[in-house]
Structure formats: structure tokens, C-alpha cells
């Protein structure tokens, strides 16, 4: 749980940096993620009502059809 909180805090700081005027490219570089990931965090923050949108998500279930 503590690791999860640290991840949420990192994402929250990144979102705040962008909202305060930092470029998405710079924030992505500082956090070691792609700019698409930062855009996803921004979208989830806005749509998910704040910090709740920044919690971890499980990957999609992939089903193989033979």
C-alpha cells in the first residue's frame, strides 16, 4: 500500500507541474515516462475526480482466440 501511495504522489506532482505551466515533455522526462502517459494522468485526474483517478490500474485482460 505504501508503494501505491508513492506512485499516486508522483503522478499528482506531475499533474500539478503541468497545471502550473510546465511542459508535458519536461514533466515526462523528469518522471521517466512518455508524454502520452502524462496526458493519460491529466485525463484521469480530470475525469476521476482528483487523486482517485491517479491510483493504479490493472492491465486489460487479454484473451487469446485460437
PDB file of N, CA and C in Angstrom:
ATOM      1  N   UNK A   1       0.823  -1.198   0.000  1.00  0.00           N
ATOM      2  CA  UNK A   1       0.000   0.000   0.000  1.00  0.00           C
ATOM      3  C   UNK A   1       0.861   1.253   0.000  1.00  0.00           C
ATOM      4  N   UNK A   2       1.941   1.234   0.741  1.00  0.00           N
ATOM      5  CA  UNK A   2       2.821   2.392   0.796  1.00  0.00           C
ATOM      6  C   UNK A   2       3.409   2.698  -0.578  1.00  0.00           C
ATOM      7  N   UNK A   3       3.759   1.670  -1.340  1.00  0.00           N
ATOM      8  CA  UNK A   3       4.283   1.867  -2.688  1.00  0.00           C
ATOM      9  C   UNK A   3       3.228   2.521  -3.569  1.00  0.00           C
ATOM     10  N   UNK A   4       1.999   2.083  -3.442  1.00  0.00           N
ATOM     11  CA  UNK A   4       0.897   2.666  -4.212  1.00  0.00           C
ATOM     12  C   UNK A   4       0.765   4.163  -3.923  1.00  0.00           C
ATOM     13  N   UNK A   5       0.847   4.530  -2.665  1.00  0.00           N
ATOM     14  CA  UNK A   5       0.738   5.930  -2.289  1.00  0.00           C
ATOM     15  C   UNK A   5       1.859   6.747  -2.917  1.00  0.00           C
ATOM     16  N   UNK A   6       3.073   6.211  -2.921  1.00  0.00           N
ATOM     17  CA  UNK A   6       4.188   6.919  -3.529  1.00  0.00           C
ATOM     18  C   UNK A   6       3.975   7.124  -5.029  1.00  0.00           C
ATOM     19  N   UNK A   7       3.409   6.145  -5.686  1.00  0.00           N
ATOM     20  CA  UNK A   7       3.126   6.268  -7.116  1.00  0.00           C
ATOM     21  C   UNK A   7       2.076   7.348  -7.343  1.00  0.00           C
ATOM     22  N   UNK A   8       1.040   7.350  -6.527  1.00  0.00           N
ATOM     23  CA  UNK A   8      -0.010   8.360  -6.652  1.00  0.00           C
ATOM     24  C   UNK A   8       0.563   9.753  -6.397  1.00  0.00           C
ATOM     25  N   UNK A   9       1.410   9.861  -5.405  1.00  0.00           N
ATOM     26  CA  UNK A   9       2.041  11.153  -5.121  1.00  0.00           C
ATOM     27  C   UNK A   9       2.894  11.627  -6.286  1.00  0.00           C
ATOM     28  N   UNK A  10       3.628  10.717  -6.901  1.00  0.00           N
ATOM     29  CA  UNK A  10       4.457  11.069  -8.054  1.00  0.00           C
ATOM     30  C   UNK A  10       3.576  11.563  -9.204  1.00  0.00           C
ATOM     31  N   UNK A  11       2.516  10.845  -9.480  1.00  0.00           N
ATOM     32  CA  UNK A  11       1.610  11.234 -10.564  1.00  0.00           C
ATOM     33  C   UNK A  11       0.946  12.577 -10.254  1.00  0.00           C
ATOM     34  N   UNK A  12       0.540  12.759  -9.003  1.00  0.00           N
ATOM     35  CA  UNK A  12      -0.102  14.005  -8.597  1.00  0.00           C
ATOM     36  C   UNK A  12       0.847  15.188  -8.778  1.00  0.00           C
ATOM     37  N   UNK A  13       2.086  15.020  -8.368  1.00  0.00           N
ATOM     38  CA  UNK A  13       3.089  16.093  -8.526  1.00  0.00           C
ATOM     39  C   UNK A  13       3.284  16.414 -10.011  1.00  0.00           C
ATOM     40  N   UNK A  14       3.316  15.383 -10.842  1.00  0.00           N
ATOM     41  CA  UNK A  14       3.474  15.586 -12.282  1.00  0.00           C
ATOM     42  C   UNK A  14       2.284  16.358 -12.850  1.00  0.00           C
ATOM     43  N   UNK A  15       1.075  15.983 -12.441  1.00  0.00           N
ATOM     44  CA  UNK A  15      -0.127  16.675 -12.903  1.00  0.00           C
ATOM     45  C   UNK A  15      -0.088  18.136 -12.468  1.00  0.00           C
ATOM     46  N   UNK A  16       0.245  18.371 -11.203  1.00  0.00           N
ATOM     47  CA  UNK A  16       0.317  19.753 -10.713  1.00  0.00           C
ATOM     48  C   UNK A  16       1.366  20.564 -11.462  1.00  0.00           C
ATOM     49  N   UNK A  17       2.502  19.952 -11.761  1.00  0.00           N
ATOM     50  CA  UNK A  17       3.544  20.659 -12.515  1.00  0.00           C
ATOM     51  C   UNK A  17       3.021  21.136 -13.868  1.00  0.00           C
ATOM     52  N   UNK A  18       2.292  20.267 -14.564  1.00  0.00           N
ATOM     53  CA  UNK A  18       1.736  20.650 -15.865  1.00  0.00           C
ATOM     54  C   UNK A  18       0.678  21.738 -15.689  1.00  0.00           C
ATOM     55  N   UNK A  19      -0.184  21.574 -14.706  1.00  0.00           N
ATOM     56  CA  UNK A  19      -1.233  22.568 -14.475  1.00  0.00           C
ATOM     57  C   UNK A  19      -0.663  23.928 -14.080  1.00  0.00           C
ATOM     58  N   UNK A  20       0.543  23.916 -13.497  1.00  0.00           N
ATOM     59  CA  UNK A  20       1.200  25.168 -13.109  1.00  0.00           C
ATOM     60  C   UNK A  20       2.046  25.757 -14.234  1.00  0.00           C
ATOM     61  N   UNK A  21       2.059  25.097 -15.404  1.00  0.00           N
ATOM     62  CA  UNK A  21       2.726  25.680 -16.553  1.00  0.00           C
ATOM     63  C   UNK A  21       3.920  24.941 -17.113  1.00  0.00           C
ATOM     64  N   UNK A  22       4.365  23.865 -16.470  1.00  0.00           N
ATOM     65  CA  UNK A  22       5.482  23.092 -17.014  1.00  0.00           C
ATOM     66  C   UNK A  22       5.030  22.355 -18.264  1.00  0.00           C
ATOM     67  N   UNK A  23       5.955  22.122 -19.171  1.00  0.00           N
ATOM     68  CA  UNK A  23       5.587  21.408 -20.399  1.00  0.00           C
ATOM     69  C   UNK A  23       5.426  19.920 -20.112  1.00  0.00           C
ATOM     70  N   UNK A  24       4.544  19.290 -20.861  1.00  0.00           N
ATOM     71  CA  UNK A  24       4.306  17.860 -20.716  1.00  0.00           C
ATOM     72  C   UNK A  24       5.587  17.093 -21.021  1.00  0.00           C
ATOM     73  N   UNK A  25       6.329  17.532 -22.023  1.00  0.00           N
ATOM     74  CA  UNK A  25       7.575  16.862 -22.401  1.00  0.00           C
ATOM     75  C   UNK A  25       8.565  16.881 -21.241  1.00  0.00           C
ATOM     76  N   UNK A  26       8.730  18.024 -20.592  1.00  0.00           N
ATOM     77  CA  UNK A  26       9.660  18.139 -19.476  1.00  0.00           C
ATOM     78  C   UNK A  26       9.208  17.296 -18.293  1.00  0.00           C
ATOM     79  N   UNK A  27       7.939  17.320 -17.978  1.00  0.00           N
ATOM     80  CA  UNK A  27       7.416  16.531 -16.868  1.00  0.00           C
ATOM     81  C   UNK A  27       7.599  15.038 -17.152  1.00  0.00           C
ATOM     82  N   UNK A  28       7.348  14.631 -18.379  1.00  0.00           N
ATOM     83  CA  UNK A  28       7.543  13.230 -18.756  1.00  0.00           C
ATOM     84  C   UNK A  28       9.010  12.835 -18.593  1.00  0.00           C
ATOM     85  N   UNK A  29       9.898  13.680 -19.043  1.00  0.00           N
ATOM     86  CA  UNK A  29      11.335  13.402 -18.943  1.00  0.00           C
ATOM     87  C   UNK A  29      11.760  13.264 -17.476  1.00  0.00           C
ATOM     88  N   UNK A  30      11.298  14.171 -16.628  1.00  0.00           N
ATOM     89  CA  UNK A  30      11.662  14.121 -15.203  1.00  0.00           C
ATOM     90  C   UNK A  30      11.144  12.873 -14.506  1.00  0.00           C
ATOM     91  N   UNK A  31      10.005  12.360 -14.973  1.00  0.00           N
ATOM     92  CA  UNK A  31       9.385  11.208 -14.327  1.00  0.00           C
ATOM     93  C   UNK A  31       9.708   9.887 -15.013  1.00  0.00           C
ATOM     94  N   UNK A  32      10.464   9.948 -16.093  1.00  0.00           N
ATOM     95  CA  UNK A  32      10.857   8.726 -16.779  1.00  0.00           C
ATOM     96  C   UNK A  32       9.714   8.003 -17.460  1.00  0.00           C
ATOM     97  N   UNK A  33       8.743   8.779 -17.960  1.00  0.00           N
ATOM     98  CA  UNK A  33       7.593   8.207 -18.663  1.00  0.00           C
ATOM     99  C   UNK A  33       7.428   8.915 -19.997  1.00  0.00           C
ATOM    100  N   UNK A  34       6.532   8.412 -20.822  1.00  0.00           N
ATOM    101  CA  UNK A  34       6.262   9.058 -22.102  1.00  0.00           C
ATOM    102  C   UNK A  34       5.312  10.236 -21.902  1.00  0.00           C
ATOM    103  N   UNK A  35       5.282  11.118 -22.876  1.00  0.00           N
ATOM    104  CA  UNK A  35       4.356  12.251 -22.794  1.00  0.00           C
ATOM    105  C   UNK A  35       2.915  11.762 -22.860  1.00  0.00           C
ATOM    106  N   UNK A  36       2.694  10.646 -23.550  1.00  0.00           N
ATOM    107  CA  UNK A  36       1.348  10.073 -23.608  1.00  0.00           C
ATOM    108  C   UNK A  36       0.884   9.650 -22.216  1.00  0.00           C
ATOM    109  N   UNK A  37       1.817   9.131 -21.415  1.00  0.00           N
ATOM    110  CA  UNK A  37       1.481   8.736 -20.053  1.00  0.00           C
ATOM    111  C   UNK A  37       1.083   9.944 -19.220  1.00  0.00           C
ATOM    112  N   UNK A  38       1.811  11.044 -19.369  1.00  0.00           N
ATOM    113  CA  UNK A  38       1.460  12.264 -18.637  1.00  0.00           C
ATOM    114  C   UNK A  38       0.084  12.756 -19.072  1.00  0.00           C
ATOM    115  N   UNK A  39      -0.193  12.720 -20.365  1.00  0.00           N
ATOM    116  CA  UNK A  39      -1.526  13.116 -20.844  1.00  0.00           C
ATOM    117  C   UNK A  39      -2.603  12.200 -20.249  1.00  0.00           C
ATOM    118  N   UNK A  40      -2.302  10.912 -20.130  1.00  0.00           N
ATOM    119  CA  UNK A  40      -3.258   9.978 -19.537  1.00  0.00           C
ATOM    120  C   UNK A  40      -3.503  10.321 -18.065  1.00  0.00           C
ATOM    121  N   UNK A  41      -2.444  10.661 -17.328  1.00  0.00           N
ATOM    122  CA  UNK A  41      -2.605  11.067 -15.931  1.00  0.00           C
ATOM    123  C   UNK A  41      -3.467  12.321 -15.830  1.00  0.00           C
ATOM    124  N   UNK A  42      -3.237  13.273 -16.718  1.00  0.00           N
ATOM    125  CA  UNK A  42      -4.030  14.508 -16.715  1.00  0.00           C
ATOM    126  C   UNK A  42      -5.508  14.201 -16.974  1.00  0.00           C
ATOM    127  N   UNK A  43      -5.765  13.321 -17.935  1.00  0.00           N
ATOM    128  CA  UNK A  43      -7.137  12.951 -18.269  1.00  0.00           C
ATOM    129  C   UNK A  43      -7.791  12.230 -17.099  1.00  0.00           C
ATOM    130  N   UNK A  44      -7.073  11.271 -16.509  1.00  0.00           N
ATOM    131  CA  UNK A  44      -7.633  10.517 -15.380  1.00  0.00           C
ATOM    132  C   UNK A  44      -7.839  11.407 -14.163  1.00  0.00           C
ATOM    133  N   UNK A  45      -6.960  12.370 -13.955  1.00  0.00           N
ATOM    134  CA  UNK A  45      -7.108  13.306 -12.837  1.00  0.00           C
ATOM    135  C   UNK A  45      -8.381  14.131 -13.023  1.00  0.00           C
ATOM    136  N   UNK A  46      -8.584  14.619 -14.234  1.00  0.00           N
ATOM    137  CA  UNK A  46      -9.754  15.450 -14.526  1.00  0.00           C
ATOM    138  C   UNK A  46     -11.047  14.637 -14.489  1.00  0.00           C
ATOM    139  N   UNK A  47     -11.036  13.450 -15.059  1.00  0.00           N
ATOM    140  CA  UNK A  47     -12.245  12.634 -15.151  1.00  0.00           C
ATOM    141  C   UNK A  47     -12.527  11.852 -13.867  1.00  0.00           C
ATOM    142  N   UNK A  48     -11.467  11.521 -13.129  1.00  0.00           N
ATOM    143  CA  UNK A  48     -11.629  10.671 -11.954  1.00  0.00           C
ATOM    144  C   UNK A  48     -11.806  11.428 -10.660  1.00  0.00           C
ATOM    145  N   UNK A  49     -11.968  12.730 -10.739  1.00  0.00           N
ATOM    146  CA  UNK A  49     -12.203  13.489  -9.528  1.00  0.00           C
ATOM    147  C   UNK A  49     -10.981  13.681  -8.652  1.00  0.00           C
ATOM    148  N   UNK A  50      -9.846  13.873  -9.256  1.00  0.00           N
ATOM    149  CA  UNK A  50      -8.640  14.163  -8.475  1.00  0.00           C
ATOM    150  C   UNK A  50      -7.767  12.954  -8.247  1.00  0.00           C
ATOM    151  N   UNK A  51      -7.311  12.814  -7.005  1.00  0.00           N
ATOM    152  CA  UNK A  51      -6.352  11.749  -6.681  1.00  0.00           C
ATOM    153  C   UNK A  51      -6.893  10.353  -6.983  1.00  0.00           C
ATOM    154  N   UNK A  52      -8.188  10.165  -6.830  1.00  0.00           N
ATOM    155  CA  UNK A  52      -8.768   8.854  -7.103  1.00  0.00           C
ATOM    156  C   UNK A  52      -8.526   8.384  -8.523  1.00  0.00           C
ATOM    157  N   UNK A  53      -8.402   9.319  -9.438  1.00  0.00           N
ATOM    158  CA  UNK A  53      -8.139   8.954 -10.828  1.00  0.00           C
ATOM    159  C   UNK A  53      -6.703   8.569 -11.094  1.00  0.00           C
ATOM    160  N   UNK A  54      -5.823   8.814 -10.124  1.00  0.00           N
ATOM    161  CA  UNK A  54      -4.403   8.536 -10.323  1.00  0.00           C
ATOM    162  C   UNK A  54      -3.938   7.228  -9.693  1.00  0.00           C
ATOM    163  N   UNK A  55      -4.853   6.498  -9.078  1.00  0.00           N
ATOM    164  CA  UNK A  55      -4.472   5.219  -8.480  1.00  0.00           C
ATOM    165  C   UNK A  55      -4.127   4.229  -9.570  1.00  0.00           C
ATOM    166  N   UNK A  56      -3.441   3.170  -9.191  1.00  0.00           N
ATOM    167  CA  UNK A  56      -3.023   2.151 -10.152  1.00  0.00           C
ATOM    168  C   UNK A  56      -4.204   1.511 -10.848  1.00  0.00           C
ATOM    169  N   UNK A  57      -3.944   1.100 -12.038  1.00  0.00           N
ATOM    170  CA  UNK A  57      -4.972   0.404 -12.822  1.00  0.00           C
ATOM    171  C   UNK A  57      -4.418  -0.937 -13.253  1.00  0.00           C
ATOM    172  N   UNK A  58      -5.256  -1.927 -13.240  1.00  0.00           N
ATOM    173  CA  UNK A  58      -4.836  -3.232 -13.726  1.00  0.00           C
ATOM    174  C   UNK A  58      -4.870  -3.199 -15.243  1.00  0.00           C
ATOM    175  N   UNK A  59      -3.971  -3.941 -15.849  1.00  0.00           N
ATOM    176  CA  UNK A  59      -3.935  -4.031 -17.310  1.00  0.00           C
ATOM    177  C   UNK A  59      -5.173  -4.703 -17.849  1.00  0.00           C
ATOM    178  N   UNK A  60      -5.387  -4.511 -19.098  1.00  0.00           N
ATOM    179  CA  UNK A  60      -6.548  -5.152 -19.734  1.00  0.00           C
ATOM    180  C   UNK A  60      -6.363  -6.664 -19.745  1.00  0.00           C
ATOM    181  N   UNK A  61      -7.447  -7.348 -19.566  1.00  0.00           N
ATOM    182  CA  UNK A  61      -7.421  -8.794 -19.654  1.00  0.00           C
ATOM    183  C   UNK A  61      -7.324  -9.163 -21.131  1.00  0.00           C
ATOM    184  N   UNK A  62      -6.322  -9.908 -21.476  1.00  0.00           N
ATOM    185  CA  UNK A  62      -6.127 -10.272 -22.869  1.00  0.00           C
ATOM    186  C   UNK A  62      -6.568 -11.716 -23.074  1.00  0.00           C
ATOM    187  N   UNK A  63      -7.465 -11.910 -24.013  1.00  0.00           N
ATOM    188  CA  UNK A  63      -7.993 -13.234 -24.288  1.00  0.00           C
ATOM    189  C   UNK A  63      -7.486 -13.674 -25.646  1.00  0.00           C
ATOM    190  N   UNK A  64      -6.936 -14.873 -25.678  1.00  0.00           N
ATOM    191  CA  UNK A  64      -6.460 -15.428 -26.952  1.00  0.00           C
ATOM    192  C   UNK A  64      -7.553 -16.253 -27.574  1.00  0.00           C
ATOM    193  N   UNK A  65      -7.809 -16.020 -28.826  1.00  0.00           N
ATOM    194  CA  UNK A  65      -8.786 -16.814 -29.550  1.00  0.00           C
ATOM    195  C   UNK A  65      -8.002 -17.627 -30.572  1.00  0.00           C
ATOM    196  N   UNK A  66      -8.176 -18.920 -30.494  1.00  0.00           N
ATOM    197  CA  UNK A  66      -7.416 -19.789 -31.416  1.00  0.00           C
ATOM    198  C   UNK A  66      -8.253 -20.204 -32.570  1.00  0.00           C
TER     199      UNK A  66
END
